[in-house]
All heavy atoms as atom14 arrays in JSON, in Angstrom:
{
  "sequence": "IVAADLAERCEVQLAYSIGVAEPVSINVDTFGTGVLKDEELTNI",
  "atom14_mask": [
    [1, 1, 1, 1, 1, 1, 1, 1, 0, 0, 0, 0, 0, 0],
    [1, 1, 1, 1, 1, 1, 1, 0, 0, 0, 0, 0, 0, 0],
    [1, 1, 1, 1, 1, 0, 0, 0, 0, 0, 0, 0, 0, 0],
    [1, 1, 1, 1, 1, 0, 0, 0, 0, 0, 0, 0, 0, 0],
    [1, 1, 1, 1, 1, 1, 1, 1, 0, 0, 0, 0, 0, 0],
    [1, 1, 1, 1, 1, 1, 1, 1, 0, 0, 0, 0, 0, 0],
    [1, 1, 1, 1, 1, 0, 0, 0, 0, 0, 0, 0, 0, 0],
    [1, 1, 1, 1, 1, 1, 1, 1, 1, 0, 0, 0, 0, 0],
    [1, 1, 1, 1, 1, 1, 1, 1, 1, 1, 1, 0, 0, 0],
    [1, 1, 1, 1, 1, 1, 0, 0, 0, 0, 0, 0, 0, 0],
    [1, 1, 1, 1, 1, 1, 1, 1, 1, 0, 0, 0, 0, 0],
    [1, 1, 1, 1, 1, 1, 1, 0, 0, 0, 0, 0, 0, 0],
    [1, 1, 1, 1, 1, 1, 1, 1, 1, 0, 0, 0, 0, 0],
    [1, 1, 1, 1, 1, 1, 1, 1, 0, 0, 0, 0, 0, 0],
    [1, 1, 1, 1, 1, 0, 0, 0, 0, 0, 0, 0, 0, 0],
    [1, 1, 1, 1, 1, 1, 1, 1, 1, 1, 1, 1, 0, 0],
    [1, 1, 1, 1, 1, 1, 0, 0, 0, 0, 0, 0, 0, 0],
    [1, 1, 1, 1, 1, 1, 1, 1, 0, 0, 0, 0, 0, 0],
    [1, 1, 1, 1, 0, 0, 0, 0, 0, 0, 0, 0, 0, 0],
    [1, 1, 1, 1, 1, 1, 1, 0, 0, 0, 0, 0, 0, 0],
    [1, 1, 1, 1, 1, 0, 0, 0, 0, 0, 0, 0, 0, 0],
    [1, 1, 1, 1, 1, 1, 1, 1, 1, 0, 0, 0, 0, 0],
    [1, 1, 1, 1, 1, 1, 1, 0, 0, 0, 0, 0, 0, 0],
    [1, 1, 1, 1, 1, 1, 1, 0, 0, 0, 0, 0, 0, 0],
    [1, 1, 1, 1, 1, 1, 0, 0, 0, 0, 0, 0, 0, 0],
    [1, 1, 1, 1, 1, 1, 1, 1, 0, 0, 0, 0, 0, 0],
    [1, 1, 1, 1, 1, 1, 1, 1, 0, 0, 0, 0, 0, 0],
    [1, 1, 1, 1, 1, 1, 1, 0, 0, 0, 0, 0, 0, 0],
    [1, 1, 1, 1, 1, 1, 1, 1, 0, 0, 0, 0, 0, 0],
    [1, 1, 1, 1, 1, 1, 1, 0, 0, 0, 0, 0, 0, 0],
    [1, 1, 1, 1, 1, 1, 1, 1, 1, 1, 1, 0, 0, 0],
    [1, 1, 1, 1, 0, 0, 0, 0, 0, 0, 0, 0, 0, 0],
    [1, 1, 1, 1, 1, 1, 1, 0, 0, 0, 0, 0, 0, 0],
    [1, 1, 1, 1, 0, 0, 0, 0, 0, 0, 0, 0, 0, 0],
    [1, 1, 1, 1, 1, 1, 1, 0, 0, 0, 0, 0, 0, 0],
    [1, 1, 1, 1, 1, 1, 1, 1, 0, 0, 0, 0, 0, 0],
    [1, 1, 1, 1, 1, 1, 1, 1, 1, 0, 0, 0, 0, 0],
    [1, 1, 1, 1, 1, 1, 1, 1, 0, 0, 0, 0, 0, 0],
    [1, 1, 1, 1, 1, 1, 1, 1, 1, 0, 0, 0, 0, 0],
    [1, 1, 1, 1, 1, 1, 1, 1, 1, 0, 0, 0, 0, 0],
    [1, 1, 1, 1, 1, 1, 1, 1, 0, 0, 0, 0, 0, 0],
    [1, 1, 1, 1, 1, 1, 1, 0, 0, 0, 0, 0, 0, 0],
    [1, 1, 1, 1, 1, 1, 1, 1, 0, 0, 0, 0, 0, 0],
    [1, 1, 1, 1, 1, 1, 1, 1, 0, 0, 0, 0, 0, 0]
  ],
  "atom14_positions": [
    [[-79.47, -167.82, 96.52], [-80.9, -167.82, 96.07], [-81.72, -166.91, 97.02], [-82.5, -166.11, 96.51], [-81.43, -169.23, 96.2], [-80.86, -170.1, 94.99], [-82.94, -169.32, 96.13], [-81.15, -171.54, 95.06], [0.0, 0.0, 0.0], [0.0, 0.0, 0.0], [0.0, 0.0, 0.0], [0.0, 0.0, 0.0], [0.0, 0.0, 0.0], [0.0, 0.0, 0.0]],
    [[-81.47, -167.0, 98.29], [-82.21, -166.09, 99.22], [-81.77, -164.62, 99.14], [-82.67, -163.79, 99.16], [-81.98, -166.63, 100.75], [-82.65, -165.63, 101.64], [-82.67, -168.07, 100.82], [0.0, 0.0, 0.0], [0.0, 0.0, 0.0], [0.0, 0.0, 0.0], [0.0, 0.0, 0.0], [0.0, 0.0, 0.0], [0.0, 0.0, 0.0], [0.0, 0.0, 0.0]],
    [[-80.53, -164.4, 98.97], [-80.01, -163.01, 98.8], [-80.55, -162.41, 97.55], [-80.67, -161.16, 97.46], [-78.45, -163.02, 98.82], [0.0, 0.0, 0.0], [0.0, 0.0, 0.0], [0.0, 0.0, 0.0], [0.0, 0.0, 0.0], [0.0, 0.0, 0.0], [0.0, 0.0, 0.0], [0.0, 0.0, 0.0], [0.0, 0.0, 0.0], [0.0, 0.0, 0.0]],
    [[-80.88, -163.18, 96.58], [-81.33, -162.63, 95.32], [-82.87, -162.46, 95.33], [-83.51, -162.12, 94.31], [-81.03, -163.64, 94.18], [0.0, 0.0, 0.0], [0.0, 0.0, 0.0], [0.0, 0.0, 0.0], [0.0, 0.0, 0.0], [0.0, 0.0, 0.0], [0.0, 0.0, 0.0], [0.0, 0.0, 0.0], [0.0, 0.0, 0.0], [0.0, 0.0, 0.0]],
    [[-83.46, -162.7, 96.52], [-84.92, -162.62, 96.69], [-85.7, -163.56, 95.84], [-86.89, -163.29, 95.38], [-85.42, -161.16, 96.47], [-84.9, -160.17, 97.48], [-84.86, -160.52, 98.66], [-84.51, -159.07, 97.1], [0.0, 0.0, 0.0], [0.0, 0.0, 0.0], [0.0, 0.0, 0.0], [0.0, 0.0, 0.0], [0.0, 0.0, 0.0], [0.0, 0.0, 0.0]],
    [[-85.06, -164.7, 95.49], [-85.8, -165.74, 94.8], [-86.59, -166.63, 95.74], [-87.34, -167.46, 95.24], [-84.83, -166.53, 94.02], [-83.9, -165.76, 93.0], [-83.0, -166.65, 92.22], [-84.85, -165.03, 92.04], [0.0, 0.0, 0.0], [0.0, 0.0, 0.0], [0.0, 0.0, 0.0], [0.0, 0.0, 0.0], [0.0, 0.0, 0.0], [0.0, 0.0, 0.0]],
    [[-86.32, -166.55, 97.03], [-87.04, -167.37, 98.1], [-86.76, -166.7, 99.41], [-85.68, -166.05, 99.64], [-86.56, -168.77, 98.1], [0.0, 0.0, 0.0], [0.0, 0.0, 0.0], [0.0, 0.0, 0.0], [0.0, 0.0, 0.0], [0.0, 0.0, 0.0], [0.0, 0.0, 0.0], [0.0, 0.0, 0.0], [0.0, 0.0, 0.0], [0.0, 0.0, 0.0]],
    [[-87.61, -166.92, 100.34], [-87.5, -166.42, 101.68], [-86.53, -167.38, 102.49], [-85.92, -166.95, 103.39], [-88.84, -166.25, 102.4], [-89.71, -165.14, 101.87], [-89.18, -163.79, 102.2], [-88.72, -163.56, 103.34], [-89.11, -162.97, 101.37], [0.0, 0.0, 0.0], [0.0, 0.0, 0.0], [0.0, 0.0, 0.0], [0.0, 0.0, 0.0], [0.0, 0.0, 0.0]],
    [[-86.63, -168.57, 102.07], [-85.78, -169.72, 102.74], [-85.49, -170.76, 101.7], [-86.36, -170.96, 100.84], [-86.51, -170.21, 104.01], [-87.82, -170.79, 103.68], [-88.78, -170.76, 104.93], [-88.28, -171.54, 106.12], [-87.78, -171.02, 107.21], [-87.71, -169.68, 107.33], [-87.38, -171.77, 108.16], [0.0, 0.0, 0.0], [0.0, 0.0, 0.0], [0.0, 0.0, 0.0]],
    [[-84.4, -171.36, 101.8], [-84.02, -172.34, 100.83], [-83.15, -173.39, 101.35], [-82.22, -173.14, 102.13], [-83.28, -171.68, 99.65], [-82.76, -172.71, 98.34], [0.0, 0.0, 0.0], [0.0, 0.0, 0.0], [0.0, 0.0, 0.0], [0.0, 0.0, 0.0], [0.0, 0.0, 0.0], [0.0, 0.0, 0.0], [0.0, 0.0, 0.0], [0.0, 0.0, 0.0]],
    [[-83.4, -174.65, 101.04], [-82.53, -175.75, 101.39], [-82.12, -176.55, 100.14], [-82.98, -176.77, 99.3], [-83.23, -176.72, 102.38], [-82.43, -177.87, 102.81], [-83.15, -178.79, 103.81], [-84.0, -179.56, 103.26], [-82.89, -178.71, 105.01], [0.0, 0.0, 0.0], [0.0, 0.0, 0.0], [0.0, 0.0, 0.0], [0.0, 0.0, 0.0], [0.0, 0.0, 0.0]],
    [[-80.86, -176.77, 100.01], [-80.33, -177.38, 98.82], [-79.64, -178.74, 99.24], [-78.88, -178.78, 100.23], [-79.28, -176.5, 98.18], [-78.64, -177.25, 96.9], [-79.87, -175.21, 97.6], [0.0, 0.0, 0.0], [0.0, 0.0, 0.0], [0.0, 0.0, 0.0], [0.0, 0.0, 0.0], [0.0, 0.0, 0.0], [0.0, 0.0, 0.0], [0.0, 0.0, 0.0]],
    [[-79.91, -179.8, 98.48], [-79.25, -181.1, 98.74], [-78.52, -181.57, 97.53], [-78.94, -181.35, 96.35], [-80.3, -182.25, 99.06], [-79.62, -183.54, 99.48], [-80.52, -184.78, 99.25], [-81.17, -184.93, 98.22], [-80.44, -185.64, 100.19], [0.0, 0.0, 0.0], [0.0, 0.0, 0.0], [0.0, 0.0, 0.0], [0.0, 0.0, 0.0], [0.0, 0.0, 0.0]],
    [[-77.23, -182.0, 97.78], [-76.43, -182.67, 96.7], [-76.15, -184.07, 97.27], [-75.98, -184.24, 98.51], [-75.19, -181.92, 96.49], [-75.26, -180.51, 95.83], [-73.85, -179.85, 95.82], [-75.92, -180.59, 94.47], [0.0, 0.0, 0.0], [0.0, 0.0, 0.0], [0.0, 0.0, 0.0], [0.0, 0.0, 0.0], [0.0, 0.0, 0.0], [0.0, 0.0, 0.0]],
    [[-76.02, -185.0, 96.34], [-75.63, -186.4, 96.77], [-74.58, -186.91, 95.78], [-74.65, -186.57, 94.57], [-76.83, -187.29, 96.81], [0.0, 0.0, 0.0], [0.0, 0.0, 0.0], [0.0, 0.0, 0.0], [0.0, 0.0, 0.0], [0.0, 0.0, 0.0], [0.0, 0.0, 0.0], [0.0, 0.0, 0.0], [0.0, 0.0, 0.0], [0.0, 0.0, 0.0]],
    [[-73.63, -187.73, 96.22], [-72.49, -188.18, 95.4], [-72.25, -189.71, 95.6], [-72.71, -190.29, 96.65], [-71.25, -187.4, 95.74], [-71.29, -186.01, 95.4], [-71.88, -185.04, 96.26], [-70.77, -185.55, 94.17], [-71.81, -183.64, 95.93], [-70.8, -184.18, 93.87], [-71.4, -183.21, 94.68], [-71.45, -181.91, 94.46], [0.0, 0.0, 0.0], [0.0, 0.0, 0.0]],
    [[-71.61, -190.21, 94.57], [-71.09, -191.54, 94.65], [-69.6, -191.52, 94.67], [-69.01, -190.67, 93.93], [-71.59, -192.36, 93.43], [-70.81, -193.58, 93.33], [0.0, 0.0, 0.0], [0.0, 0.0, 0.0], [0.0, 0.0, 0.0], [0.0, 0.0, 0.0], [0.0, 0.0, 0.0], [0.0, 0.0, 0.0], [0.0, 0.0, 0.0], [0.0, 0.0, 0.0]],
    [[-68.94, -192.33, 95.4], [-67.41, -192.35, 95.45], [-66.83, -192.65, 94.01], [-67.37, -193.49, 93.28], [-66.86, -193.39, 96.42], [-65.34, -193.24, 96.61], [-67.24, -194.8, 96.07], [-64.84, -194.04, 97.75], [0.0, 0.0, 0.0], [0.0, 0.0, 0.0], [0.0, 0.0, 0.0], [0.0, 0.0, 0.0], [0.0, 0.0, 0.0], [0.0, 0.0, 0.0]],
    [[-65.89, -191.81, 93.65], [-65.21, -192.02, 92.39], [-65.89, -191.37, 91.23], [-65.32, -191.3, 90.14], [0.0, 0.0, 0.0], [0.0, 0.0, 0.0], [0.0, 0.0, 0.0], [0.0, 0.0, 0.0], [0.0, 0.0, 0.0], [0.0, 0.0, 0.0], [0.0, 0.0, 0.0], [0.0, 0.0, 0.0], [0.0, 0.0, 0.0], [0.0, 0.0, 0.0]],
    [[-67.11, -190.82, 91.41], [-67.91, -190.2, 90.31], [-67.94, -188.67, 90.53], [-68.21, -188.22, 91.64], [-69.31, -190.63, 90.3], [-70.07, -190.1, 89.18], [-69.26, -192.28, 90.2], [0.0, 0.0, 0.0], [0.0, 0.0, 0.0], [0.0, 0.0, 0.0], [0.0, 0.0, 0.0], [0.0, 0.0, 0.0], [0.0, 0.0, 0.0], [0.0, 0.0, 0.0]],
    [[-67.71, -187.9, 89.53], [-67.56, -186.49, 89.58], [-68.93, -185.79, 89.72], [-69.2, -184.88, 90.64], [-66.81, -185.88, 88.39], [0.0, 0.0, 0.0], [0.0, 0.0, 0.0], [0.0, 0.0, 0.0], [0.0, 0.0, 0.0], [0.0, 0.0, 0.0], [0.0, 0.0, 0.0], [0.0, 0.0, 0.0], [0.0, 0.0, 0.0], [0.0, 0.0, 0.0]],
    [[-69.87, -186.07, 88.88], [-71.17, -185.41, 88.91], [-72.05, -185.85, 90.05], [-72.02, -187.09, 90.38], [-71.85, -185.65, 87.58], [-71.26, -184.95, 86.4], [-71.29, -183.53, 86.4], [-72.1, -182.93, 87.06], [-70.41, -182.9, 85.62], [0.0, 0.0, 0.0], [0.0, 0.0, 0.0], [0.0, 0.0, 0.0], [0.0, 0.0, 0.0], [0.0, 0.0, 0.0]],
    [[-72.75, -185.04, 90.68], [-73.65, -185.44, 91.72], [-74.74, -186.44, 91.16], [-75.2, -186.24, 90.06], [-74.33, -184.19, 92.28], [-74.13, -183.16, 91.11], [-72.82, -183.54, 90.43], [0.0, 0.0, 0.0], [0.0, 0.0, 0.0], [0.0, 0.0, 0.0], [0.0, 0.0, 0.0], [0.0, 0.0, 0.0], [0.0, 0.0, 0.0], [0.0, 0.0, 0.0]],
    [[-75.15, -187.39, 91.93], [-76.17, -188.33, 91.52], [-77.57, -187.71, 91.73], [-78.53, -188.19, 91.07], [-76.07, -189.63, 92.34], [-74.74, -190.33, 92.07], [-76.26, -189.47, 93.8], [0.0, 0.0, 0.0], [0.0, 0.0, 0.0], [0.0, 0.0, 0.0], [0.0, 0.0, 0.0], [0.0, 0.0, 0.0], [0.0, 0.0, 0.0], [0.0, 0.0, 0.0]],
    [[-77.71, -186.73, 92.52], [-78.98, -186.06, 92.66], [-78.8, -184.6, 93.14], [-77.81, -184.32, 93.81], [-79.89, -186.72, 93.52], [-79.54, -186.63, 94.93], [0.0, 0.0, 0.0], [0.0, 0.0, 0.0], [0.0, 0.0, 0.0], [0.0, 0.0, 0.0], [0.0, 0.0, 0.0], [0.0, 0.0, 0.0], [0.0, 0.0, 0.0], [0.0, 0.0, 0.0]],
    [[-79.69, -183.77, 92.73], [-79.71, -182.33, 93.14], [-81.16, -181.98, 93.51], [-82.09, -182.34, 92.71], [-79.26, -181.33, 92.0], [-77.94, -181.87, 91.48], [-79.13, -179.91, 92.4], [-77.54, -181.26, 90.12], [0.0, 0.0, 0.0], [0.0, 0.0, 0.0], [0.0, 0.0, 0.0], [0.0, 0.0, 0.0], [0.0, 0.0, 0.0], [0.0, 0.0, 0.0]],
    [[-81.34, -181.29, 94.63], [-82.7, -180.98, 95.0], [-82.7, -179.6, 95.6], [-81.85, -179.28, 96.45], [-83.27, -181.97, 96.0], [-84.71, -181.69, 96.35], [-85.6, -181.73, 95.52], [-85.01, -181.33, 97.64], [0.0, 0.0, 0.0], [0.0, 0.0, 0.0], [0.0, 0.0, 0.0], [0.0, 0.0, 0.0], [0.0, 0.0, 0.0], [0.0, 0.0, 0.0]],
    [[-83.67, -178.84, 95.3], [-83.86, -177.41, 95.96], [-85.31, -177.43, 96.55], [-86.23, -177.83, 95.94], [-83.75, -176.3, 94.92], [-84.08, -174.97, 95.53], [-82.34, -176.3, 94.3], [0.0, 0.0, 0.0], [0.0, 0.0, 0.0], [0.0, 0.0, 0.0], [0.0, 0.0, 0.0], [0.0, 0.0, 0.0], [0.0, 0.0, 0.0], [0.0, 0.0, 0.0]],
    [[-85.37, -176.98, 97.74], [-86.64, -176.87, 98.52], [-86.73, -175.4, 99.01], [-85.98, -175.09, 99.92], [-86.8, -177.89, 99.6], [-88.13, -177.92, 100.24], [-88.92, -177.1, 100.05], [-88.35, -178.81, 101.08], [0.0, 0.0, 0.0], [0.0, 0.0, 0.0], [0.0, 0.0, 0.0], [0.0, 0.0, 0.0], [0.0, 0.0, 0.0], [0.0, 0.0, 0.0]],
    [[-87.73, -174.67, 98.51], [-87.97, -173.3, 99.06], [-89.08, -173.2, 100.03], [-89.54, -172.11, 100.31], [-88.09, -172.29, 97.89], [-89.25, -172.69, 97.19], [-86.85, -172.25, 96.99], [0.0, 0.0, 0.0], [0.0, 0.0, 0.0], [0.0, 0.0, 0.0], [0.0, 0.0, 0.0], [0.0, 0.0, 0.0], [0.0, 0.0, 0.0], [0.0, 0.0, 0.0]],
    [[-89.69, -174.33, 100.41], [-90.78, -174.43, 101.43], [-91.92, -173.45, 100.99], [-92.57, -172.85, 101.92], [-90.23, -173.98, 102.81], [-88.99, -174.76, 103.25], [-87.7, -174.3, 102.92], [-89.19, -175.98, 103.86], [-86.59, -175.07, 103.3], [-88.02, -176.76, 104.17], [-86.73, -176.32, 103.99], [0.0, 0.0, 0.0], [0.0, 0.0, 0.0], [0.0, 0.0, 0.0]],
    [[-92.23, -173.43, 99.71], [-93.38, -172.63, 99.27], [-93.1, -171.14, 99.19], [-94.0, -170.36, 98.96], [0.0, 0.0, 0.0], [0.0, 0.0, 0.0], [0.0, 0.0, 0.0], [0.0, 0.0, 0.0], [0.0, 0.0, 0.0], [0.0, 0.0, 0.0], [0.0, 0.0, 0.0], [0.0, 0.0, 0.0], [0.0, 0.0, 0.0], [0.0, 0.0, 0.0]],
    [[-91.94, -170.69, 99.43], [-91.52, -169.22, 99.39], [-90.89, -168.79, 98.1], [-90.58, -167.61, 97.95], [-90.67, -168.88, 100.54], [-89.4, -169.44, 100.46], [-91.22, -169.41, 101.9], [0.0, 0.0, 0.0], [0.0, 0.0, 0.0], [0.0, 0.0, 0.0], [0.0, 0.0, 0.0], [0.0, 0.0, 0.0], [0.0, 0.0, 0.0], [0.0, 0.0, 0.0]],
    [[-90.63, -169.64, 97.18], [-89.87, -169.34, 95.93], [-90.7, -168.67, 94.93], [-91.95, -168.81, 94.82], [0.0, 0.0, 0.0], [0.0, 0.0, 0.0], [0.0, 0.0, 0.0], [0.0, 0.0, 0.0], [0.0, 0.0, 0.0], [0.0, 0.0, 0.0], [0.0, 0.0, 0.0], [0.0, 0.0, 0.0], [0.0, 0.0, 0.0], [0.0, 0.0, 0.0]],
    [[-90.01, -167.8, 94.17], [-90.66, -167.03, 93.04], [-90.76, -168.01, 91.87], [-91.55, -167.62, 90.83], [-89.94, -165.78, 92.74], [-89.89, -164.93, 93.87], [-88.53, -166.03, 92.13], [0.0, 0.0, 0.0], [0.0, 0.0, 0.0], [0.0, 0.0, 0.0], [0.0, 0.0, 0.0], [0.0, 0.0, 0.0], [0.0, 0.0, 0.0], [0.0, 0.0, 0.0]],
    [[-90.1, -169.02, 91.78], [-90.09, -170.04, 90.77], [-90.46, -171.39, 91.37], [-90.31, -171.6, 92.62], [-88.87, -170.14, 89.99], [-88.34, -168.9, 89.19], [-86.92, -169.24, 88.7], [-89.25, -168.55, 88.1], [0.0, 0.0, 0.0], [0.0, 0.0, 0.0], [0.0, 0.0, 0.0], [0.0, 0.0, 0.0], [0.0, 0.0, 0.0], [0.0, 0.0, 0.0]],
    [[-90.85, -172.44, 90.58], [-91.04, -173.73, 91.04], [-89.57, -174.34, 91.46], [-88.56, -173.94, 90.87], [-91.57, -174.63, 89.96], [-93.02, -174.27, 89.65], [-93.56, -175.22, 88.48], [-95.02, -174.92, 88.2], [-95.54, -175.79, 87.09], [0.0, 0.0, 0.0], [0.0, 0.0, 0.0], [0.0, 0.0, 0.0], [0.0, 0.0, 0.0], [0.0, 0.0, 0.0]],
    [[-89.61, -175.12, 92.47], [-88.34, -175.72, 92.92], [-87.6, -176.46, 91.81], [-86.32, -176.42, 91.73], [-88.57, -176.61, 94.12], [-89.03, -175.85, 95.4], [-88.86, -174.67, 95.38], [-89.45, -176.51, 96.31], [0.0, 0.0, 0.0], [0.0, 0.0, 0.0], [0.0, 0.0, 0.0], [0.0, 0.0, 0.0], [0.0, 0.0, 0.0], [0.0, 0.0, 0.0]],
    [[-88.38, -177.13, 90.99], [-87.64, -177.84, 89.8], [-86.93, -176.93, 88.87], [-85.92, -177.16, 88.37], [-88.75, -178.62, 88.96], [-89.63, -179.49, 89.87], [-90.95, -178.75, 90.28], [-91.84, -178.64, 89.48], [-90.97, -178.21, 91.44], [0.0, 0.0, 0.0], [0.0, 0.0, 0.0], [0.0, 0.0, 0.0], [0.0, 0.0, 0.0], [0.0, 0.0, 0.0]],
    [[-87.59, -175.69, 88.74], [-86.89, -174.71, 87.84], [-85.65, -174.17, 88.43], [-84.6, -173.95, 87.73], [-87.97, -173.59, 87.49], [-89.16, -173.97, 86.7], [-90.21, -172.88, 86.59], [-90.43, -172.26, 87.54], [-90.65, -172.71, 85.45], [0.0, 0.0, 0.0], [0.0, 0.0, 0.0], [0.0, 0.0, 0.0], [0.0, 0.0, 0.0], [0.0, 0.0, 0.0]],
    [[-85.7, -173.93, 89.78], [-84.44, -173.5, 90.42], [-83.42, -174.55, 90.41], [-82.28, -174.19, 90.23], [-84.82, -173.1, 91.9], [-85.27, -171.73, 92.12], [-85.71, -171.5, 93.58], [-84.25, -170.57, 91.75], [0.0, 0.0, 0.0], [0.0, 0.0, 0.0], [0.0, 0.0, 0.0], [0.0, 0.0, 0.0], [0.0, 0.0, 0.0], [0.0, 0.0, 0.0]],
    [[-83.8, -175.79, 90.53], [-82.83, -176.9, 90.45], [-82.15, -176.86, 89.05], [-80.87, -177.06, 89.03], [-83.5, -178.25, 90.65], [-84.17, -178.24, 91.94], [-82.56, -179.45, 90.63], [0.0, 0.0, 0.0], [0.0, 0.0, 0.0], [0.0, 0.0, 0.0], [0.0, 0.0, 0.0], [0.0, 0.0, 0.0], [0.0, 0.0, 0.0], [0.0, 0.0, 0.0]],
    [[-82.82, -176.63, 88.02], [-82.2, -176.6, 86.7], [-81.26, -175.36, 86.54], [-80.2, -175.45, 86.02], [-83.31, -176.54, 85.61], [-84.08, -177.81, 85.53], [-83.53, -178.93, 85.73], [-85.35, -177.74, 85.06], [0.0, 0.0, 0.0], [0.0, 0.0, 0.0], [0.0, 0.0, 0.0], [0.0, 0.0, 0.0], [0.0, 0.0, 0.0], [0.0, 0.0, 0.0]],
    [[-81.75, -174.22, 87.09], [-80.97, -172.99, 86.97], [-79.55, -173.03, 87.64], [-78.61, -172.6, 87.12], [-81.77, -171.79, 87.37], [-82.86, -171.49, 86.38], [-80.91, -170.56, 87.72], [-83.93, -170.52, 86.86], [0.0, 0.0, 0.0], [0.0, 0.0, 0.0], [0.0, 0.0, 0.0], [0.0, 0.0, 0.0], [0.0, 0.0, 0.0], [0.0, 0.0, 0.0]]
  ]
}
């Protein structure tokens, strides 16, 4: 994300449950430096 110049800084969080394949949550935080809303980057 940062190398693509979509943000100056970026933190990504994933969370999981034991035995379950898909993450239970996904979050992107660009600290106000993103070219898109964080929710849009999360979907992308």
